[in-house]
N, C-alpha and C. Protein backbone atom coordinates (compact mmCIF):
# COMPACT_ATOMS: atom_id res chain seq x y z
N MET A 1 0.83 -1.17 0.00
CA MET A 1 0.00 0.00 0.00
C MET A 1 0.89 1.25 0.00
N LYS A 2 0.60 2.17 -0.89
CA LYS A 2 1.34 3.42 -0.95
C LYS A 2 0.64 4.46 -0.07
N HIS A 3 1.41 5.08 0.82
CA HIS A 3 0.85 6.07 1.74
C HIS A 3 1.16 7.48 1.24
N PRO A 4 0.31 8.44 1.60
CA PRO A 4 0.59 9.83 1.25
C PRO A 4 1.92 10.28 1.86
N PRO A 5 2.56 11.28 1.26
CA PRO A 5 3.88 11.72 1.74
C PRO A 5 3.87 12.27 3.17
N PHE A 6 2.72 12.68 3.69
CA PHE A 6 2.68 13.22 5.05
C PHE A 6 2.53 12.14 6.11
N HIS A 7 2.53 10.89 5.70
CA HIS A 7 2.49 9.77 6.65
C HIS A 7 3.90 9.36 7.03
N ASP A 8 4.63 10.25 7.67
CA ASP A 8 6.00 9.96 8.08
C ASP A 8 6.07 8.88 9.16
N ASN A 9 5.11 8.89 10.06
CA ASN A 9 5.09 7.95 11.18
C ASN A 9 3.76 7.21 11.16
N LEU A 10 3.75 6.01 10.57
CA LEU A 10 2.50 5.27 10.40
C LEU A 10 1.86 4.89 11.74
N GLU A 11 2.67 4.64 12.74
CA GLU A 11 2.11 4.32 14.06
C GLU A 11 1.35 5.51 14.63
N GLN A 12 1.89 6.69 14.45
CA GLN A 12 1.22 7.90 14.92
C GLN A 12 -0.07 8.14 14.15
N VAL A 13 -0.05 7.90 12.84
CA VAL A 13 -1.27 8.05 12.03
C VAL A 13 -2.33 7.08 12.52
N LYS A 14 -1.94 5.83 12.76
CA LYS A 14 -2.89 4.82 13.25
C LYS A 14 -3.45 5.23 14.61
N ASN A 15 -2.61 5.74 15.50
CA ASN A 15 -3.07 6.18 16.81
C ASN A 15 -4.06 7.34 16.68
N SER A 16 -3.80 8.25 15.75
CA SER A 16 -4.71 9.37 15.53
C SER A 16 -6.06 8.89 15.01
N ILE A 17 -6.03 7.93 14.09
CA ILE A 17 -7.28 7.37 13.57
C ILE A 17 -8.03 6.66 14.69
N ASP A 18 -7.32 5.92 15.52
CA ASP A 18 -7.98 5.23 16.65
C ASP A 18 -8.65 6.25 17.58
N TYR A 19 -7.99 7.36 17.81
CA TYR A 19 -8.58 8.40 18.66
C TYR A 19 -9.87 8.94 18.02
N ILE A 20 -9.80 9.25 16.75
CA ILE A 20 -10.99 9.77 16.06
C ILE A 20 -12.12 8.76 16.11
N LEU A 21 -11.81 7.48 15.92
CA LEU A 21 -12.84 6.44 15.99
C LEU A 21 -13.42 6.32 17.39
N SER A 22 -12.65 6.63 18.40
CA SER A 22 -13.15 6.54 19.78
C SER A 22 -14.25 7.56 20.07
N LEU A 23 -14.40 8.55 19.20
CA LEU A 23 -15.42 9.57 19.38
C LEU A 23 -16.81 9.08 18.97
N ASN A 24 -16.89 7.85 18.45
CA ASN A 24 -18.16 7.22 18.08
C ASN A 24 -18.98 8.04 17.10
N THR A 25 -18.31 8.58 16.11
CA THR A 25 -18.96 9.33 15.05
C THR A 25 -19.10 8.43 13.84
N GLU A 26 -20.21 8.56 13.11
CA GLU A 26 -20.44 7.72 11.93
C GLU A 26 -19.89 8.32 10.65
N THR A 27 -19.85 9.65 10.56
CA THR A 27 -19.37 10.32 9.35
C THR A 27 -18.42 11.43 9.75
N PHE A 28 -17.29 11.49 9.06
CA PHE A 28 -16.28 12.49 9.35
C PHE A 28 -16.19 13.46 8.18
N TYR A 29 -16.21 14.75 8.49
CA TYR A 29 -16.13 15.79 7.46
C TYR A 29 -14.75 16.43 7.55
N LEU A 30 -13.96 16.19 6.52
CA LEU A 30 -12.58 16.64 6.50
C LEU A 30 -12.49 18.07 5.98
N GLY A 31 -11.33 18.64 6.05
CA GLY A 31 -11.12 20.00 5.56
C GLY A 31 -11.15 20.09 4.04
N HIS A 32 -11.08 18.95 3.38
CA HIS A 32 -11.14 18.91 1.92
C HIS A 32 -11.68 17.55 1.51
N GLY A 33 -12.18 17.44 0.31
CA GLY A 33 -12.69 16.16 -0.17
C GLY A 33 -14.08 15.86 0.36
N ASN A 34 -14.51 14.65 0.13
CA ASN A 34 -15.84 14.21 0.52
C ASN A 34 -15.86 13.70 1.96
N PRO A 35 -17.05 13.60 2.55
CA PRO A 35 -17.16 12.99 3.88
C PRO A 35 -16.64 11.55 3.86
N VAL A 36 -16.15 11.09 5.00
CA VAL A 36 -15.60 9.74 5.13
C VAL A 36 -16.44 8.99 6.15
N SER A 37 -16.87 7.79 5.79
CA SER A 37 -17.67 6.99 6.71
C SER A 37 -16.77 6.30 7.74
N ARG A 38 -17.35 5.95 8.85
CA ARG A 38 -16.64 5.22 9.91
C ARG A 38 -16.05 3.93 9.35
N LYS A 39 -16.84 3.22 8.56
CA LYS A 39 -16.40 1.94 7.98
C LYS A 39 -15.18 2.15 7.07
N SER A 40 -15.20 3.19 6.26
CA SER A 40 -14.07 3.48 5.37
C SER A 40 -12.81 3.79 6.17
N LEU A 41 -12.97 4.55 7.25
CA LEU A 41 -11.82 4.90 8.08
C LEU A 41 -11.24 3.66 8.77
N ILE A 42 -12.10 2.77 9.22
CA ILE A 42 -11.63 1.52 9.83
C ILE A 42 -10.88 0.68 8.81
N ASN A 43 -11.44 0.58 7.60
CA ASN A 43 -10.76 -0.20 6.55
C ASN A 43 -9.40 0.40 6.22
N TYR A 44 -9.31 1.71 6.16
CA TYR A 44 -8.05 2.38 5.87
C TYR A 44 -7.03 2.11 6.98
N ARG A 45 -7.46 2.27 8.23
CA ARG A 45 -6.57 2.01 9.37
C ARG A 45 -6.06 0.57 9.38
N ASP A 46 -6.95 -0.36 9.07
CA ASP A 46 -6.58 -1.77 9.13
C ASP A 46 -5.56 -2.17 8.06
N GLN A 47 -5.41 -1.37 7.03
CA GLN A 47 -4.42 -1.66 5.99
C GLN A 47 -2.99 -1.43 6.50
N PHE A 48 -2.82 -0.68 7.58
CA PHE A 48 -1.48 -0.41 8.11
C PHE A 48 -0.79 -1.66 8.62
N SER A 49 -1.57 -2.62 9.07
CA SER A 49 -0.97 -3.82 9.65
C SER A 49 -0.64 -4.87 8.59
N LYS A 50 -0.95 -4.58 7.34
CA LYS A 50 -0.68 -5.55 6.27
C LYS A 50 0.68 -5.35 5.67
């Protein structure tokens, strides 16, 4: 899996995603792009361990 250039520390990115998921929100609205579903964010996070 190719990561964006700002993913210098994948463990830190995963920890940040885990924190966001702990907020129990179903849809996340980012500063750019389309909304991201909880399921999509979980799938993205889970790719780090592969």
